Amino acid sequence: MVVVGTWNLENLYRAGGEFGPRDEAAYEAKLKALAGTITQIGPDVLGVQEVGEPEALLDLVGLLEGEWHVELSQHPDARGIRVGFISRLPLTVLHDVTTFPRPLQAVQSTDGGGTVNNTSRGFLAVQAGADLTLVAAHLKSKLLSFPGGRFSPRDEGERARIGAYALMRRTAEAVTLRGLADQILDGQGTSRPLIVLGDLNDEPEAATTQILLGPPGSEIGTPGERVPDRGDPWRLWNLAPRIPEPERFSRVYHGRRELIDHILISRALLGKVQAVRSIIDHGLPSVGDLPSARRDTPDSDHAPITVTLSL
């Protein structure tokens, strides 16, 4: 059996900086809580998001038993956060992608007409062990920031525009991630094991999440789920419906449960899924729109999502 997971570690920085805990005690408490949850779920490979400082991830790994391999994207966002993997299996980096694929054009990002043609953070593809390929992603956040570092808009028109720019970028990022999956699958998804995982910042039925599935039809829970068809070499299956319903969420936002962290697999792995879990028993707080409110809080505001595979 192999356990693969994804977890947004929520602003993993060392103490004393602009974004991390204010003091060493708070930092040590965060590391201890994160390490406890990782030990509990016992992953062989864990995709991670919001690693602000590589050194902080190494501090975390240092609290885990056994030998771990670490790989991080070389393309963080403006705050320095990036995706990566920690793994008991050897890792080989295959791709670290940021640029929108042609002919997709740059999308508007500011009221002044500024555009972007790259993802918020790099998407990291690795090979774990002999033949398992994984991609870690963290799509553009739904949390809106406004000119001047504000988290509140001047009016509802500004909120709508900034929300549209964020949605356009997240959509373009989903297209970029789907393109990376296409490149890796190369029409061989029935025999090539691929796992795409991460914080997609939207729920399973959202248009951006649906883009990642590839050819339509055969989703889990539909009559075509296990009926082979010509879309299978390219299709990805979102494992969200396999999470037990009482724990089918990974974050609580303004008191509302939402599933925004996902694991998608190729056809080669579909028959090997033994269990899918959202690890909510470490306690999930209800979060709002001010990131700094939790900088001294231990643990993470996301639940890890895990899949157990019979490999």
Protein backbone atom coordinates (compact mmCIF):
# COMPACT_ATOMS: atom_id res chain seq x y z
CA MET A 1 0.00 0.00 0.00
CA VAL A 2 1.08 3.56 -0.73
CA VAL A 3 -0.42 6.62 0.98
CA VAL A 4 -0.34 9.89 -0.97
CA GLY A 5 -1.59 13.17 0.45
CA THR A 6 -1.88 16.88 -0.15
CA TRP A 7 -1.81 19.59 2.51
CA ASN A 8 -1.76 23.38 2.52
CA LEU A 9 0.54 24.12 5.48
CA GLU A 10 -0.72 27.73 5.80
CA ASN A 11 2.09 30.26 5.67
CA LEU A 12 5.00 28.05 6.69
CA TYR A 13 7.66 30.62 7.59
CA ARG A 14 10.21 30.79 10.34
CA ALA A 15 9.55 33.18 13.20
CA GLY A 16 10.16 36.89 13.13
CA GLY A 17 9.50 37.77 9.50
CA GLU A 18 6.67 39.66 7.86
CA PHE A 19 4.40 36.63 7.42
CA GLY A 20 5.49 33.97 9.91
CA PRO A 21 4.87 33.60 13.64
CA ARG A 22 6.00 36.54 15.72
CA ASP A 23 8.12 34.48 18.12
CA GLU A 24 9.91 31.15 18.43
CA ALA A 25 7.34 29.68 20.80
CA ALA A 26 4.54 30.14 18.29
CA TYR A 27 6.75 28.73 15.52
CA GLU A 28 7.67 25.65 17.53
CA ALA A 29 3.98 25.08 18.38
CA LYS A 30 3.08 25.22 14.69
CA LEU A 31 5.80 22.78 13.70
CA LYS A 32 4.81 20.37 16.48
CA ALA A 33 1.15 20.43 15.41
CA LEU A 34 1.98 19.92 11.72
CA ALA A 35 4.41 17.11 12.47
CA GLY A 36 1.85 15.39 14.67
CA THR A 37 -0.73 15.33 11.89
CA ILE A 38 1.77 14.11 9.29
CA THR A 39 2.86 11.34 11.62
CA GLN A 40 -0.78 10.40 12.18
CA ILE A 41 -1.59 10.03 8.48
CA GLY A 42 1.71 8.34 7.64
CA PRO A 43 2.10 9.44 4.01
CA ASP A 44 4.64 7.93 1.67
CA VAL A 45 4.41 11.09 -0.46
CA LEU A 46 2.88 14.39 0.64
CA GLY A 47 2.32 17.32 -1.69
CA VAL A 48 2.56 20.59 0.24
CA GLN A 49 1.49 24.15 -0.43
CA GLU A 50 2.24 27.53 1.16
CA VAL A 51 5.85 26.78 1.97
CA GLY A 52 7.14 30.29 2.58
CA GLU A 53 10.71 29.43 3.48
CA PRO A 54 12.43 26.21 2.39
CA GLU A 55 14.29 26.21 5.70
CA ALA A 56 10.99 26.04 7.57
CA LEU A 57 9.99 22.92 5.65
CA LEU A 58 13.32 21.35 6.54
CA ASP A 59 12.65 22.21 10.19
CA LEU A 60 9.32 20.40 9.91
CA VAL A 61 10.81 17.36 8.20
CA GLY A 62 13.44 17.23 10.94
CA LEU A 63 10.67 16.43 13.44
CA LEU A 64 9.50 13.40 11.44
CA GLU A 65 10.86 9.91 11.94
CA GLY A 66 12.84 8.21 9.19
CA GLU A 67 14.46 9.51 6.03
CA TRP A 68 12.56 12.02 3.90
CA HIS A 69 13.26 13.49 0.48
CA VAL A 70 12.28 17.12 -0.19
CA GLU A 71 11.69 18.93 -3.48
CA LEU A 72 10.28 22.43 -3.91
CA SER A 73 9.23 24.54 -6.86
CA GLN A 74 11.72 27.24 -7.75
CA HIS A 75 8.87 29.62 -8.61
CA PRO A 76 7.27 31.14 -5.49
CA ASP A 77 4.69 33.90 -5.55
CA ALA A 78 5.23 37.49 -4.41
CA ARG A 79 5.01 36.43 -0.74
CA GLY A 80 7.52 33.66 -1.28
CA ILE A 81 5.09 30.73 -0.92
CA ARG A 82 5.50 27.72 -3.18
CA VAL A 83 4.48 24.11 -3.63
CA GLY A 84 6.58 21.01 -3.14
CA PHE A 85 6.80 17.43 -1.94
CA ILE A 86 8.15 15.53 1.01
CA SER A 87 8.50 11.82 0.40
CA ARG A 88 9.79 8.57 1.83
CA LEU A 89 10.32 7.53 -1.80
CA PRO A 90 13.16 9.01 -3.88
CA LEU A 91 12.06 12.03 -5.92
CA THR A 92 13.11 13.21 -9.36
CA VAL A 93 11.93 16.62 -10.61
CA LEU A 94 10.36 16.43 -14.08
CA HIS A 95 8.79 19.86 -14.62
CA ASP A 96 8.43 23.19 -12.80
CA VAL A 97 5.86 25.10 -14.84
CA THR A 98 4.71 28.74 -14.64
CA THR A 99 3.97 30.01 -18.15
CA PHE A 100 0.49 29.80 -19.68
CA PRO A 101 0.53 27.44 -22.67
CA ARG A 102 0.14 28.95 -26.13
CA PRO A 103 -2.17 29.94 -27.71
CA LEU A 104 -3.66 30.98 -24.34
CA GLN A 105 -3.12 34.72 -23.98
CA ALA A 106 -2.25 36.83 -20.96
CA VAL A 107 -5.19 37.80 -18.74
CA GLN A 108 -6.04 41.16 -17.19
CA SER A 109 -4.86 41.56 -13.61
CA THR A 110 -5.36 45.24 -12.69
CA ASP A 111 -7.75 48.11 -13.32
CA GLY A 112 -4.96 49.83 -15.21
CA GLY A 113 -4.90 47.09 -17.82
CA GLY A 114 -1.93 45.15 -16.47
CA THR A 115 -1.77 41.54 -17.57
CA VAL A 116 -0.13 38.30 -16.47
CA ASN A 117 0.85 35.27 -18.54
CA ASN A 118 2.07 33.05 -15.75
CA THR A 119 0.69 31.11 -12.82
CA SER A 120 0.69 32.56 -9.29
CA ARG A 121 3.11 29.80 -8.23
CA GLY A 122 4.97 27.08 -10.07
CA PHE A 123 3.39 23.67 -10.66
CA LEU A 124 5.90 20.99 -9.67
CA ALA A 125 5.91 17.55 -11.33
CA VAL A 126 8.02 14.77 -9.83
CA GLN A 127 8.58 11.07 -10.20
CA ALA A 128 8.34 9.22 -6.89
CA GLY A 129 9.99 5.84 -6.77
CA ALA A 130 10.06 3.81 -9.96
CA ASP A 131 7.00 4.91 -11.92
CA LEU A 132 4.58 7.14 -9.99
CA THR A 133 4.29 10.69 -11.34
CA LEU A 134 2.76 13.44 -9.22
CA VAL A 135 2.02 17.12 -9.81
CA ALA A 136 1.57 19.61 -6.94
CA ALA A 137 -0.40 22.79 -7.62
CA HIS A 138 -1.79 25.79 -5.78
CA LEU A 139 -4.17 27.85 -7.90
CA LYS A 140 -4.92 31.55 -7.52
CA SER A 141 -6.67 32.27 -4.25
CA LYS A 142 -10.28 33.39 -3.95
CA LEU A 143 -9.11 35.71 -1.17
CA LEU A 144 -9.04 39.13 -2.80
CA SER A 145 -6.43 41.79 -2.19
CA PHE A 146 -6.97 45.32 -3.45
CA PRO A 147 -4.56 48.08 -4.56
CA GLY A 148 -2.39 49.39 -1.76
CA GLY A 149 -2.48 46.13 0.19
CA ARG A 150 -6.11 46.54 1.22
CA PHE A 151 -8.33 43.53 1.98
CA SER A 152 -11.52 45.61 1.72
CA PRO A 153 -12.75 47.24 -1.51
CA ARG A 154 -13.66 50.89 -1.90
CA ASP A 155 -17.01 49.85 -3.36
CA GLU A 156 -18.78 46.81 -4.79
CA GLY A 157 -17.70 47.66 -8.32
CA GLU A 158 -14.07 47.33 -7.29
CA ARG A 159 -14.83 44.05 -5.51
CA ALA A 160 -16.46 42.67 -8.64
CA ARG A 161 -13.61 43.70 -10.94
CA ILE A 162 -10.84 42.36 -8.69
CA GLY A 163 -12.84 39.17 -8.24
CA ALA A 164 -13.10 38.83 -12.02
CA TYR A 165 -9.35 39.31 -12.49
CA ALA A 166 -8.67 36.61 -9.87
CA LEU A 167 -11.14 34.24 -11.50
CA MET A 168 -9.64 34.79 -14.96
CA ARG A 169 -6.18 34.03 -13.63
CA ARG A 170 -7.35 30.94 -11.75
CA THR A 171 -9.05 29.72 -14.92
CA ALA A 172 -5.89 30.26 -16.97
CA GLU A 173 -3.93 28.43 -14.27
CA ALA A 174 -6.34 25.49 -14.48
CA VAL A 175 -5.76 25.39 -18.25
CA THR A 176 -1.99 25.43 -17.62
CA LEU A 177 -2.27 22.58 -15.11
CA ARG A 178 -4.43 20.58 -17.50
CA GLY A 179 -1.83 21.15 -20.21
CA LEU A 180 0.90 19.80 -17.94
CA ALA A 181 -1.24 16.72 -17.25
CA ASP A 182 -1.70 16.25 -21.01
CA GLN A 183 2.06 16.46 -21.53
CA ILE A 184 2.71 13.83 -18.87
CA LEU A 185 -0.12 11.47 -19.87
CA ASP A 186 0.67 11.70 -23.59
CA GLY A 187 -2.42 9.62 -24.36
CA GLN A 188 -1.26 6.77 -22.11
CA GLY A 189 -3.38 7.37 -19.02
CA THR A 190 -4.68 3.80 -18.97
CA SER A 191 -1.17 2.54 -18.17
CA ARG A 192 0.66 5.65 -16.86
CA PRO A 193 0.04 6.38 -13.14
CA LEU A 194 -0.45 10.12 -12.60
CA ILE A 195 -1.67 11.99 -9.53
CA VAL A 196 -2.49 15.71 -9.71
CA LEU A 197 -3.03 17.20 -6.27
CA GLY A 198 -3.13 20.43 -4.35
CA ASP A 199 -5.10 23.45 -3.23
CA LEU A 200 -7.27 24.32 -6.23
CA ASN A 201 -9.06 27.12 -4.34
CA ASP A 202 -12.45 25.95 -5.58
CA GLU A 203 -14.88 23.11 -5.04
CA PRO A 204 -15.37 19.97 -7.17
CA GLU A 205 -18.19 21.36 -9.32
CA ALA A 206 -16.50 24.71 -10.01
CA ALA A 207 -15.68 25.37 -13.66
CA THR A 208 -11.97 25.74 -12.90
CA THR A 209 -11.86 22.35 -11.17
CA GLN A 210 -13.89 20.71 -13.95
CA ILE A 211 -11.34 21.89 -16.54
CA LEU A 212 -8.82 19.51 -14.97
CA LEU A 213 -10.92 16.42 -15.62
CA GLY A 214 -10.26 16.42 -19.34
CA PRO A 215 -12.72 14.57 -21.58
CA PRO A 216 -16.23 14.75 -20.07
CA GLY A 217 -18.09 11.76 -18.70
CA SER A 218 -17.17 8.80 -16.51
CA GLU A 219 -16.80 10.82 -13.28
CA ILE A 220 -16.87 8.85 -10.05
CA GLY A 221 -20.46 8.06 -9.15
CA THR A 222 -21.72 8.07 -12.74
CA PRO A 223 -22.70 4.95 -14.72
CA GLY A 224 -19.61 5.35 -16.91
CA GLU A 225 -17.13 5.46 -14.03
CA ARG A 226 -15.62 2.03 -14.73
CA VAL A 227 -16.67 1.61 -18.34
CA PRO A 228 -13.60 2.05 -20.57
CA ASP A 229 -13.93 4.57 -23.39
CA ARG A 230 -11.66 6.50 -25.74
CA GLY A 231 -11.37 9.43 -23.31
CA ASP A 232 -9.63 7.32 -20.68
CA PRO A 233 -6.07 7.86 -22.00
CA TRP A 234 -6.45 11.59 -21.17
CA ARG A 235 -9.05 11.72 -18.41
CA LEU A 236 -8.42 12.51 -14.72
CA TRP A 237 -10.76 11.37 -11.96
CA ASN A 238 -11.34 13.67 -8.97
CA LEU A 239 -11.48 11.47 -5.86
CA ALA A 240 -13.66 13.93 -3.93
CA PRO A 241 -16.80 11.71 -4.11
CA ARG A 242 -14.84 8.89 -2.46
CA ILE A 243 -14.30 10.96 0.71
CA PRO A 244 -16.86 9.91 3.37
CA GLU A 245 -19.63 12.49 3.30
CA PRO A 246 -19.27 13.69 6.94
CA GLU A 247 -15.65 14.69 6.27
CA ARG A 248 -16.05 15.92 2.69
CA PHE A 249 -14.50 19.34 3.30
CA SER A 250 -10.99 20.67 3.75
CA ARG A 251 -11.54 24.22 5.03
CA VAL A 252 -14.17 26.20 6.92
CA TYR A 253 -14.67 29.71 5.52
CA HIS A 254 -16.97 32.11 7.42
CA GLY A 255 -18.59 29.09 9.04
CA ARG A 256 -19.20 27.29 5.73
CA ARG A 257 -17.53 23.97 4.97
CA GLU A 258 -15.85 23.77 1.58
CA LEU A 259 -13.73 21.20 -0.25
CA ILE A 260 -11.00 23.11 -2.09
CA ASP A 261 -8.10 20.64 -1.77
CA HIS A 262 -8.18 17.79 -4.27
CA ILE A 263 -6.53 14.62 -5.53
CA LEU A 264 -7.06 13.60 -9.17
CA ILE A 265 -5.76 10.38 -10.72
CA SER A 266 -5.32 8.80 -14.13
CA ARG A 267 -7.16 5.68 -15.27
CA ALA A 268 -4.16 3.48 -14.43
CA LEU A 269 -4.79 4.15 -10.73
CA LEU A 270 -8.59 4.16 -10.65
CA GLY A 271 -8.92 0.48 -9.75
CA LYS A 272 -6.21 0.73 -7.09
CA VAL A 273 -7.94 3.24 -4.77
CA GLN A 274 -8.57 1.70 -1.36
CA ALA A 275 -9.62 4.74 0.69
CA VAL A 276 -9.80 8.53 0.43
CA ARG A 277 -9.90 10.66 3.57
CA SER A 278 -10.03 14.27 4.69
CA ILE A 279 -8.19 14.46 8.00
CA ILE A 280 -10.46 16.86 9.87
CA ASP A 281 -9.94 15.50 13.37
CA HIS A 282 -6.99 17.82 14.05
CA GLY A 283 -9.54 20.64 14.20
CA LEU A 284 -10.40 23.17 11.52
CA PRO A 285 -11.10 26.76 12.55
CA SER A 286 -13.50 29.01 10.67
CA VAL A 287 -11.36 31.53 8.80
CA GLY A 288 -12.11 34.93 7.33
CA ASP A 289 -10.48 37.33 4.89
CA LEU A 290 -7.56 38.68 6.94
CA PRO A 291 -4.51 36.38 6.57
CA SER A 292 -2.54 38.02 9.38
CA ALA A 293 -5.19 37.03 11.94
CA ARG A 294 -3.73 33.50 12.15
CA ARG A 295 -0.01 34.15 11.96
CA ASP A 296 0.60 32.96 15.56
CA THR A 297 -1.88 30.07 15.40
CA PRO A 298 -0.53 26.50 15.40
CA ASP A 299 -1.39 23.90 12.77
CA SER A 300 -3.12 24.79 9.47
CA ASP A 301 -6.52 26.07 8.40
CA HIS A 302 -6.70 23.27 5.79
CA ALA A 303 -7.24 19.56 6.29
CA PRO A 304 -4.88 17.10 4.57
CA ILE A 305 -6.53 14.93 1.91
CA THR A 306 -5.11 11.41 1.52
CA VAL A 307 -5.56 8.44 -0.77
CA THR A 308 -4.45 4.89 -0.04
CA LEU A 309 -3.46 2.96 -3.18
CA SER A 310 -2.78 -0.73 -3.65
CA LEU A 311 0.56 -0.34 -5.43
